[in-house]
Amino acid sequence: MRVIETEEAARRLARAIASDLSLYNEEKILEGLKNDNLYEVLAEEIEEGRELFQSRVTPDLFKKNFYDRAIIDLLIKSKGHIKCKLW
């Protein structure tokens, strides 16, 4: 597999990984938001996604936090309708 070298492609990959996390871990995400421990509940899955992202992009792109932003956008912000301590 080729290493991703553009910001656009890195953002797409980060969002795809985060989207998969959201799709396959909906129950855990809801539990984590309600109990204010999302990162603990999904620690293993988030880290696995981070490792995949890091393995597919250049080191400079990895440092730009596209993956972390995608996690926030797709796992947290998209669940704004859930009653939790965050908001």
PDB file of N, CA and C in Angstrom:
ATOM      1  N   MET A   1       0.814  -1.177   0.000  1.00  0.00           N
ATOM      2  CA  MET A   1       0.000   0.000   0.000  1.00  0.00           C
ATOM      3  C   MET A   1       0.867   1.253   0.000  1.00  0.00           C
ATOM      4  N   ARG A   2       0.475   2.214  -0.794  1.00  0.00           N
ATOM      5  CA  ARG A   2       1.209   3.477  -0.851  1.00  0.00           C
ATOM      6  C   ARG A   2       0.936   4.330   0.379  1.00  0.00           C
ATOM      7  N   VAL A   3       1.912   5.104   0.753  1.00  0.00           N
ATOM      8  CA  VAL A   3       1.763   6.043   1.864  1.00  0.00           C
ATOM      9  C   VAL A   3       1.066   7.298   1.342  1.00  0.00           C
ATOM     10  N   ILE A   4       0.099   7.756   2.090  1.00  0.00           N
ATOM     11  CA  ILE A   4      -0.653   8.954   1.718  1.00  0.00           C
ATOM     12  C   ILE A   4       0.207  10.180   1.966  1.00  0.00           C
ATOM     13  N   GLU A   5       0.240  11.081   0.973  1.00  0.00           N
ATOM     14  CA  GLU A   5       1.115  12.242   1.054  1.00  0.00           C
ATOM     15  C   GLU A   5       0.377  13.572   0.968  1.00  0.00           C
ATOM     16  N   THR A   6      -0.945  13.555   0.809  1.00  0.00           N
ATOM     17  CA  THR A   6      -1.681  14.816   0.701  1.00  0.00           C
ATOM     18  C   THR A   6      -2.624  14.980   1.894  1.00  0.00           C
ATOM     19  N   GLU A   7      -2.825  16.229   2.287  1.00  0.00           N
ATOM     20  CA  GLU A   7      -3.706  16.510   3.415  1.00  0.00           C
ATOM     21  C   GLU A   7      -5.130  16.045   3.147  1.00  0.00           C
ATOM     22  N   GLU A   8      -5.603  16.274   1.934  1.00  0.00           N
ATOM     23  CA  GLU A   8      -6.973  15.874   1.569  1.00  0.00           C
ATOM     24  C   GLU A   8      -7.172  14.370   1.756  1.00  0.00           C
ATOM     25  N   ALA A   9      -6.247  13.580   1.261  1.00  0.00           N
ATOM     26  CA  ALA A   9      -6.359  12.122   1.382  1.00  0.00           C
ATOM     27  C   ALA A   9      -6.215  11.683   2.840  1.00  0.00           C
ATOM     28  N   ALA A  10      -5.352  12.357   3.584  1.00  0.00           N
ATOM     29  CA  ALA A  10      -5.176  12.030   5.009  1.00  0.00           C
ATOM     30  C   ALA A  10      -6.457  12.320   5.786  1.00  0.00           C
ATOM     31  N   ARG A  11      -7.099  13.441   5.487  1.00  0.00           N
ATOM     32  CA  ARG A  11      -8.376  13.763   6.148  1.00  0.00           C
ATOM     33  C   ARG A  11      -9.431  12.710   5.819  1.00  0.00           C
ATOM     34  N   ARG A  12      -9.497  12.317   4.557  1.00  0.00           N
ATOM     35  CA  ARG A  12     -10.484  11.301   4.156  1.00  0.00           C
ATOM     36  C   ARG A  12     -10.237   9.991   4.887  1.00  0.00           C
ATOM     37  N   LEU A  13      -8.995   9.580   4.971  1.00  0.00           N
ATOM     38  CA  LEU A  13      -8.667   8.338   5.671  1.00  0.00           C
ATOM     39  C   LEU A  13      -9.035   8.441   7.147  1.00  0.00           C
ATOM     40  N   ALA A  14      -8.688   9.545   7.775  1.00  0.00           N
ATOM     41  CA  ALA A  14      -9.003   9.730   9.197  1.00  0.00           C
ATOM     42  C   ALA A  14     -10.506   9.653   9.422  1.00  0.00           C
ATOM     43  N   ARG A  15     -11.277  10.309   8.569  1.00  0.00           N
ATOM     44  CA  ARG A  15     -12.737  10.296   8.705  1.00  0.00           C
ATOM     45  C   ARG A  15     -13.301   8.902   8.427  1.00  0.00           C
ATOM     46  N   ALA A  16     -12.713   8.174   7.503  1.00  0.00           N
ATOM     47  CA  ALA A  16     -13.181   6.810   7.216  1.00  0.00           C
ATOM     48  C   ALA A  16     -12.946   5.889   8.411  1.00  0.00           C
ATOM     49  N   ILE A  17     -11.797   6.008   9.022  1.00  0.00           N
ATOM     50  CA  ILE A  17     -11.496   5.183  10.198  1.00  0.00           C
ATOM     51  C   ILE A  17     -12.431   5.546  11.345  1.00  0.00           C
ATOM     52  N   ALA A  18     -12.607   6.842  11.594  1.00  0.00           N
ATOM     53  CA  ALA A  18     -13.497   7.287  12.665  1.00  0.00           C
ATOM     54  C   ALA A  18     -14.941   6.883  12.382  1.00  0.00           C
ATOM     55  N   SER A  19     -15.325   6.935  11.129  1.00  0.00           N
ATOM     56  CA  SER A  19     -16.677   6.530  10.745  1.00  0.00           C
ATOM     57  C   SER A  19     -16.898   5.044  11.031  1.00  0.00           C
ATOM     58  N   ASP A  20     -15.912   4.240  10.726  1.00  0.00           N
ATOM     59  CA  ASP A  20     -16.010   2.806  11.037  1.00  0.00           C
ATOM     60  C   ASP A  20     -16.117   2.584  12.545  1.00  0.00           C
ATOM     61  N   LEU A  21     -15.330   3.323  13.312  1.00  0.00           N
ATOM     62  CA  LEU A  21     -15.426   3.213  14.770  1.00  0.00           C
ATOM     63  C   LEU A  21     -16.838   3.551  15.238  1.00  0.00           C
ATOM     64  N   SER A  22     -17.393   4.599  14.682  1.00  0.00           N
ATOM     65  CA  SER A  22     -18.745   5.015  15.053  1.00  0.00           C
ATOM     66  C   SER A  22     -19.768   3.958  14.671  1.00  0.00           C
ATOM     67  N   LEU A  23     -19.642   3.432  13.483  1.00  0.00           N
ATOM     68  CA  LEU A  23     -20.584   2.442  12.970  1.00  0.00           C
ATOM     69  C   LEU A  23     -20.571   1.156  13.800  1.00  0.00           C
ATOM     70  N   TYR A  24     -19.396   0.667  14.128  1.00  0.00           N
ATOM     71  CA  TYR A  24     -19.285  -0.633  14.791  1.00  0.00           C
ATOM     72  C   TYR A  24     -19.285  -0.567  16.317  1.00  0.00           C
ATOM     73  N   ASN A  25     -19.286   0.641  16.879  1.00  0.00           N
ATOM     74  CA  ASN A  25     -19.219   0.775  18.336  1.00  0.00           C
ATOM     75  C   ASN A  25     -20.255   1.743  18.884  1.00  0.00           C
ATOM     76  N   GLU A  26     -21.387   1.837  18.235  1.00  0.00           N
ATOM     77  CA  GLU A  26     -22.426   2.801  18.621  1.00  0.00           C
ATOM     78  C   GLU A  26     -22.805   2.668  20.099  1.00  0.00           C
ATOM     79  N   GLU A  27     -23.026   1.464  20.553  1.00  0.00           N
ATOM     80  CA  GLU A  27     -23.439   1.250  21.940  1.00  0.00           C
ATOM     81  C   GLU A  27     -22.368   1.714  22.924  1.00  0.00           C
ATOM     82  N   LYS A  28     -21.110   1.393  22.641  1.00  0.00           N
ATOM     83  CA  LYS A  28     -20.010   1.824  23.500  1.00  0.00           C
ATOM     84  C   LYS A  28     -19.884   3.346  23.509  1.00  0.00           C
ATOM     85  N   ILE A  29     -20.080   3.964  22.360  1.00  0.00           N
ATOM     86  CA  ILE A  29     -19.983   5.423  22.272  1.00  0.00           C
ATOM     87  C   ILE A  29     -21.066   6.071  23.122  1.00  0.00           C
ATOM     88  N   LEU A  30     -22.284   5.593  22.995  1.00  0.00           N
ATOM     89  CA  LEU A  30     -23.377   6.147  23.787  1.00  0.00           C
ATOM     90  C   LEU A  30     -23.118   5.968  25.281  1.00  0.00           C
ATOM     91  N   GLU A  31     -22.657   4.788  25.654  1.00  0.00           N
ATOM     92  CA  GLU A  31     -22.326   4.517  27.058  1.00  0.00           C
ATOM     93  C   GLU A  31     -21.220   5.455  27.530  1.00  0.00           C
ATOM     94  N   GLY A  32     -20.172   5.602  26.721  1.00  0.00           N
ATOM     95  CA  GLY A  32     -19.049   6.457  27.092  1.00  0.00           C
ATOM     96  C   GLY A  32     -19.430   7.918  27.229  1.00  0.00           C
ATOM     97  N   LEU A  33     -20.312   8.393  26.354  1.00  0.00           N
ATOM     98  CA  LEU A  33     -20.768   9.779  26.454  1.00  0.00           C
ATOM     99  C   LEU A  33     -21.634   9.979  27.691  1.00  0.00           C
ATOM    100  N   LYS A  34     -22.553   9.070  27.912  1.00  0.00           N
ATOM    101  CA  LYS A  34     -23.451   9.193  29.068  1.00  0.00           C
ATOM    102  C   LYS A  34     -22.694   9.120  30.383  1.00  0.00           C
ATOM    103  N   ASN A  35     -21.649   8.300  30.436  1.00  0.00           N
ATOM    104  CA  ASN A  35     -20.888   8.116  31.671  1.00  0.00           C
ATOM    105  C   ASN A  35     -19.617   8.970  31.723  1.00  0.00           C
ATOM    106  N   ASP A  36     -19.438   9.822  30.721  1.00  0.00           N
ATOM    107  CA  ASP A  36     -18.291  10.724  30.644  1.00  0.00           C
ATOM    108  C   ASP A  36     -16.952   9.983  30.698  1.00  0.00           C
ATOM    109  N   ASN A  37     -16.894   8.835  30.004  1.00  0.00           N
ATOM    110  CA  ASN A  37     -15.640   8.084  29.941  1.00  0.00           C
ATOM    111  C   ASN A  37     -15.420   7.467  28.552  1.00  0.00           C
ATOM    112  N   LEU A  38     -15.780   8.234  27.531  1.00  0.00           N
ATOM    113  CA  LEU A  38     -15.703   7.739  26.159  1.00  0.00           C
ATOM    114  C   LEU A  38     -14.315   7.225  25.796  1.00  0.00           C
ATOM    115  N   TYR A  39     -13.292   7.994  26.130  1.00  0.00           N
ATOM    116  CA  TYR A  39     -11.938   7.589  25.738  1.00  0.00           C
ATOM    117  C   TYR A  39     -11.480   6.331  26.478  1.00  0.00           C
ATOM    118  N   GLU A  40     -11.956   6.120  27.676  1.00  0.00           N
ATOM    119  CA  GLU A  40     -11.614   4.891  28.386  1.00  0.00           C
ATOM    120  C   GLU A  40     -12.347   3.693  27.784  1.00  0.00           C
ATOM    121  N   VAL A  41     -13.629   3.878  27.480  1.00  0.00           N
ATOM    122  CA  VAL A  41     -14.443   2.787  26.927  1.00  0.00           C
ATOM    123  C   VAL A  41     -13.929   2.350  25.552  1.00  0.00           C
ATOM    124  N   LEU A  42     -13.475   3.317  24.750  1.00  0.00           N
ATOM    125  CA  LEU A  42     -13.033   3.010  23.388  1.00  0.00           C
ATOM    126  C   LEU A  42     -11.516   3.071  23.215  1.00  0.00           C
ATOM    127  N   ALA A  43     -10.777   3.029  24.292  1.00  0.00           N
ATOM    128  CA  ALA A  43      -9.320   3.201  24.222  1.00  0.00           C
ATOM    129  C   ALA A  43      -8.667   2.254  23.218  1.00  0.00           C
ATOM    130  N   GLU A  44      -9.014   1.000  23.288  1.00  0.00           N
ATOM    131  CA  GLU A  44      -8.397   0.011  22.406  1.00  0.00           C
ATOM    132  C   GLU A  44      -8.739   0.276  20.938  1.00  0.00           C
ATOM    133  N   GLU A  45      -9.997   0.542  20.659  1.00  0.00           N
ATOM    134  CA  GLU A  45     -10.443   0.779  19.289  1.00  0.00           C
ATOM    135  C   GLU A  45      -9.850   2.060  18.719  1.00  0.00           C
ATOM    136  N   ILE A  46      -9.809   3.112  19.542  1.00  0.00           N
ATOM    137  CA  ILE A  46      -9.244   4.387  19.090  1.00  0.00           C
ATOM    138  C   ILE A  46      -7.759   4.232  18.803  1.00  0.00           C
ATOM    139  N   GLU A  47      -7.052   3.536  19.663  1.00  0.00           N
ATOM    140  CA  GLU A  47      -5.618   3.345  19.458  1.00  0.00           C
ATOM    141  C   GLU A  47      -5.347   2.482  18.230  1.00  0.00           C
ATOM    142  N   GLU A  48      -6.143   1.467  18.012  1.00  0.00           N
ATOM    143  CA  GLU A  48      -5.992   0.634  16.822  1.00  0.00           C
ATOM    144  C   GLU A  48      -6.186   1.481  15.555  1.00  0.00           C
ATOM    145  N   GLY A  49      -7.186   2.341  15.570  1.00  0.00           N
ATOM    146  CA  GLY A  49      -7.416   3.238  14.442  1.00  0.00           C
ATOM    147  C   GLY A  49      -6.265   4.207  14.243  1.00  0.00           C
ATOM    148  N   ARG A  50      -5.734   4.720  15.342  1.00  0.00           N
ATOM    149  CA  ARG A  50      -4.598   5.649  15.270  1.00  0.00           C
ATOM    150  C   ARG A  50      -3.386   4.963  14.638  1.00  0.00           C
ATOM    151  N   GLU A  51      -3.131   3.724  15.046  1.00  0.00           N
ATOM    152  CA  GLU A  51      -1.998   2.980  14.489  1.00  0.00           C
ATOM    153  C   GLU A  51      -2.186   2.739  12.995  1.00  0.00           C
ATOM    154  N   LEU A  52      -3.399   2.406  12.595  1.00  0.00           N
ATOM    155  CA  LEU A  52      -3.686   2.223  11.170  1.00  0.00           C
ATOM    156  C   LEU A  52      -3.450   3.529  10.414  1.00  0.00           C
ATOM    157  N   PHE A  53      -3.976   4.637  10.936  1.00  0.00           N
ATOM    158  CA  PHE A  53      -3.800   5.938  10.297  1.00  0.00           C
ATOM    159  C   PHE A  53      -2.314   6.273  10.181  1.00  0.00           C
ATOM    160  N   GLN A  54      -1.585   6.096  11.254  1.00  0.00           N
ATOM    161  CA  GLN A  54      -0.155   6.418  11.258  1.00  0.00           C
ATOM    162  C   GLN A  54       0.611   5.575  10.237  1.00  0.00           C
ATOM    163  N   SER A  55       0.202   4.334  10.075  1.00  0.00           N
ATOM    164  CA  SER A  55       0.901   3.458   9.136  1.00  0.00           C
ATOM    165  C   SER A  55       0.631   3.821   7.681  1.00  0.00           C
ATOM    166  N   ARG A  56      -0.414   4.593   7.431  1.00  0.00           N
ATOM    167  CA  ARG A  56      -0.818   4.905   6.056  1.00  0.00           C
ATOM    168  C   ARG A  56      -0.468   6.308   5.591  1.00  0.00           C
ATOM    169  N   VAL A  57      -0.027   7.185   6.507  1.00  0.00           N
ATOM    170  CA  VAL A  57       0.288   8.568   6.128  1.00  0.00           C
ATOM    171  C   VAL A  57       1.745   8.902   6.443  1.00  0.00           C
ATOM    172  N   THR A  58       2.238   9.972   5.835  1.00  0.00           N
ATOM    173  CA  THR A  58       3.601  10.414   6.128  1.00  0.00           C
ATOM    174  C   THR A  58       3.670  10.930   7.572  1.00  0.00           C
ATOM    175  N   PRO A  59       4.866  10.912   8.164  1.00  0.00           N
ATOM    176  CA  PRO A  59       5.006  11.416   9.534  1.00  0.00           C
ATOM    177  C   PRO A  59       4.531  12.866   9.688  1.00  0.00           C
ATOM    178  N   ASP A  60       4.785  13.699   8.695  1.00  0.00           N
ATOM    179  CA  ASP A  60       4.347  15.099   8.775  1.00  0.00           C
ATOM    180  C   ASP A  60       2.831  15.201   8.817  1.00  0.00           C
ATOM    181  N   LEU A  61       2.135  14.393   8.047  1.00  0.00           N
ATOM    182  CA  LEU A  61       0.675  14.416   8.059  1.00  0.00           C
ATOM    183  C   LEU A  61       0.132  13.851   9.369  1.00  0.00           C
ATOM    184  N   PHE A  62       0.785  12.845   9.908  1.00  0.00           N
ATOM    185  CA  PHE A  62       0.330  12.279  11.181  1.00  0.00           C
ATOM    186  C   PHE A  62       0.369  13.334  12.287  1.00  0.00           C
ATOM    187  N   LYS A  63       1.374  14.181  12.270  1.00  0.00           N
ATOM    188  CA  LYS A  63       1.543  15.217  13.295  1.00  0.00           C
ATOM    189  C   LYS A  63       0.457  16.290  13.239  1.00  0.00           C
ATOM    190  N   LYS A  64      -0.313  16.344  12.172  1.00  0.00           N
ATOM    191  CA  LYS A  64      -1.331  17.390  12.017  1.00  0.00           C
ATOM    192  C   LYS A  64      -2.655  17.045  12.693  1.00  0.00           C
ATOM    193  N   ASN A  65      -2.716  15.931  13.381  1.00  0.00           N
ATOM    194  CA  ASN A  65      -3.884  15.546  14.192  1.00  0.00           C
ATOM    195  C   ASN A  65      -5.185  15.365  13.422  1.00  0.00           C
ATOM    196  N   PHE A  66      -5.122  14.985  12.175  1.00  0.00           N
ATOM    197  CA  PHE A  66      -6.343  14.742  11.416  1.00  0.00           C
ATOM    198  C   PHE A  66      -7.178  13.628  12.049  1.00  0.00           C
ATOM    199  N   TYR A  67      -6.512  12.626  12.564  1.00  0.00           N
ATOM    200  CA  TYR A  67      -7.227  11.501  13.172  1.00  0.00           C
ATOM    201  C   TYR A  67      -7.980  11.945  14.427  1.00  0.00           C
ATOM    202  N   ASP A  68      -7.315  12.685  15.292  1.00  0.00           N
ATOM    203  CA  ASP A  68      -7.973  13.146  16.521  1.00  0.00           C
ATOM    204  C   ASP A  68      -9.161  14.055  16.213  1.00  0.00           C
ATOM    205  N   ARG A  69      -9.012  14.902  15.219  1.00  0.00           N
ATOM    206  CA  ARG A  69     -10.122  15.779  14.820  1.00  0.00           C
ATOM    207  C   ARG A  69     -11.301  14.957  14.303  1.00  0.00           C
ATOM    208  N   ALA A  70     -11.000  13.928  13.529  1.00  0.00           N
ATOM    209  CA  ALA A  70     -12.072  13.077  12.999  1.00  0.00           C
ATOM    210  C   ALA A  70     -12.787  12.345  14.130  1.00  0.00           C
ATOM    211  N   ILE A  71     -12.052  11.899  15.135  1.00  0.00           N
ATOM    212  CA  ILE A  71     -12.655  11.239  16.293  1.00  0.00           C
ATOM    213  C   ILE A  71     -13.627  12.199  16.980  1.00  0.00           C
ATOM    214  N   ILE A  72     -13.204  13.424  17.185  1.00  0.00           N
ATOM    215  CA  ILE A  72     -14.074  14.409  17.836  1.00  0.00           C
ATOM    216  C   ILE A  72     -15.307  14.689  16.986  1.00  0.00           C
ATOM    217  N   ASP A  73     -15.105  14.911  15.700  1.00  0.00           N
ATOM    218  CA  ASP A  73     -16.232  15.226  14.813  1.00  0.00           C
ATOM    219  C   ASP A  73     -17.239  14.086  14.704  1.00  0.00           C
ATOM    220  N   LEU A  74     -16.738  12.873  14.517  1.00  0.00           N
ATOM    221  CA  LEU A  74     -17.638  11.762  14.209  1.00  0.00           C
ATOM    222  C   LEU A  74     -18.099  10.962  15.423  1.00  0.00           C
ATOM    223  N   LEU A  75     -17.328  10.943  16.487  1.00  0.00           N
ATOM    224  CA  LEU A  75     -17.740  10.179  17.659  1.00  0.00           C
ATOM    225  C   LEU A  75     -18.362  11.053  18.739  1.00  0.00           C
ATOM    226  N   ILE A  76     -18.017  12.327  18.761  1.00  0.00           N
ATOM    227  CA  ILE A  76     -18.517  13.191  19.825  1.00  0.00           C
ATOM    228  C   ILE A  76     -19.509  14.225  19.298  1.00  0.00           C
ATOM    229  N   LYS A  77     -19.074  15.081  18.407  1.00  0.00           N
ATOM    230  CA  LYS A  77     -19.958  16.146  17.913  1.00  0.00           C
ATOM    231  C   LYS A  77     -21.222  15.602  17.263  1.00  0.00           C
ATOM    232  N   SER A  78     -21.093  14.501  16.545  1.00  0.00           N
ATOM    233  CA  SER A  78     -22.260  13.950  15.856  1.00  0.00           C
ATOM    234  C   SER A  78     -23.305  13.393  16.821  1.00  0.00           C
ATOM    235  N   LYS A  79     -22.919  13.247  18.075  1.00  0.00           N
ATOM    236  CA  LYS A  79     -23.837  12.717  19.087  1.00  0.00           C
ATOM    237  C   LYS A  79     -24.343  13.827  20.007  1.00  0.00           C
ATOM    238  N   GLY A  80     -24.399  15.038  19.511  1.00  0.00           N
ATOM    239  CA  GLY A  80     -24.831  16.190  20.297  1.00  0.00           C
ATOM    240  C   GLY A  80     -26.207  16.077  20.879  1.00  0.00           C
ATOM    241  N   HIS A  81     -27.033  15.206  20.321  1.00  0.00           N
ATOM    242  CA  HIS A  81     -28.396  15.018  20.809  1.00  0.00           C
ATOM    243  C   HIS A  81     -28.457  14.121  22.062  1.00  0.00           C
ATOM    244  N   ILE A  82     -27.365  13.474  22.399  1.00  0.00           N
ATOM    245  CA  ILE A  82     -27.311  12.583  23.556  1.00  0.00           C
ATOM    246  C   ILE A  82     -27.121  13.418  24.823  1.00  0.00           C
ATOM    247  N   LYS A  83     -27.922  13.152  25.823  1.00  0.00           N
ATOM    248  CA  LYS A  83     -27.773  13.866  27.086  1.00  0.00           C
ATOM    249  C   LYS A  83     -26.538  13.347  27.809  1.00  0.00           C
ATOM    250  N   CYS A  84     -25.590  14.266  28.045  1.00  0.00           N
ATOM    251  CA  CYS A  84     -24.366  13.877  28.737  1.00  0.00           C
ATOM    252  C   CYS A  84     -23.750  15.094  29.416  1.00  0.00           C
ATOM    253  N   LYS A  85     -22.726  14.859  30.211  1.00  0.00           N
ATOM    254  CA  LYS A  85     -22.081  15.917  30.991  1.00  0.00           C
ATOM    255  C   LYS A  85     -21.272  16.877  30.119  1.00  0.00           C
ATOM    256  N   LEU A  86     -20.916  16.433  28.915  1.00  0.00           N
ATOM    257  CA  LEU A  86     -20.113  17.266  28.030  1.00  0.00           C
ATOM    258  C   LEU A  86     -20.809  18.560  27.625  1.00  0.00           C
ATOM    259  N   TRP A  87     -22.136  18.505  27.493  1.00  0.00           N
ATOM    260  CA  TRP A  87     -22.878  19.702  27.092  1.00  0.00           C
ATOM    261  C   TRP A  87     -24.099  19.862  27.888  1.00  0.00           C
TER     262      TRP A  87
END
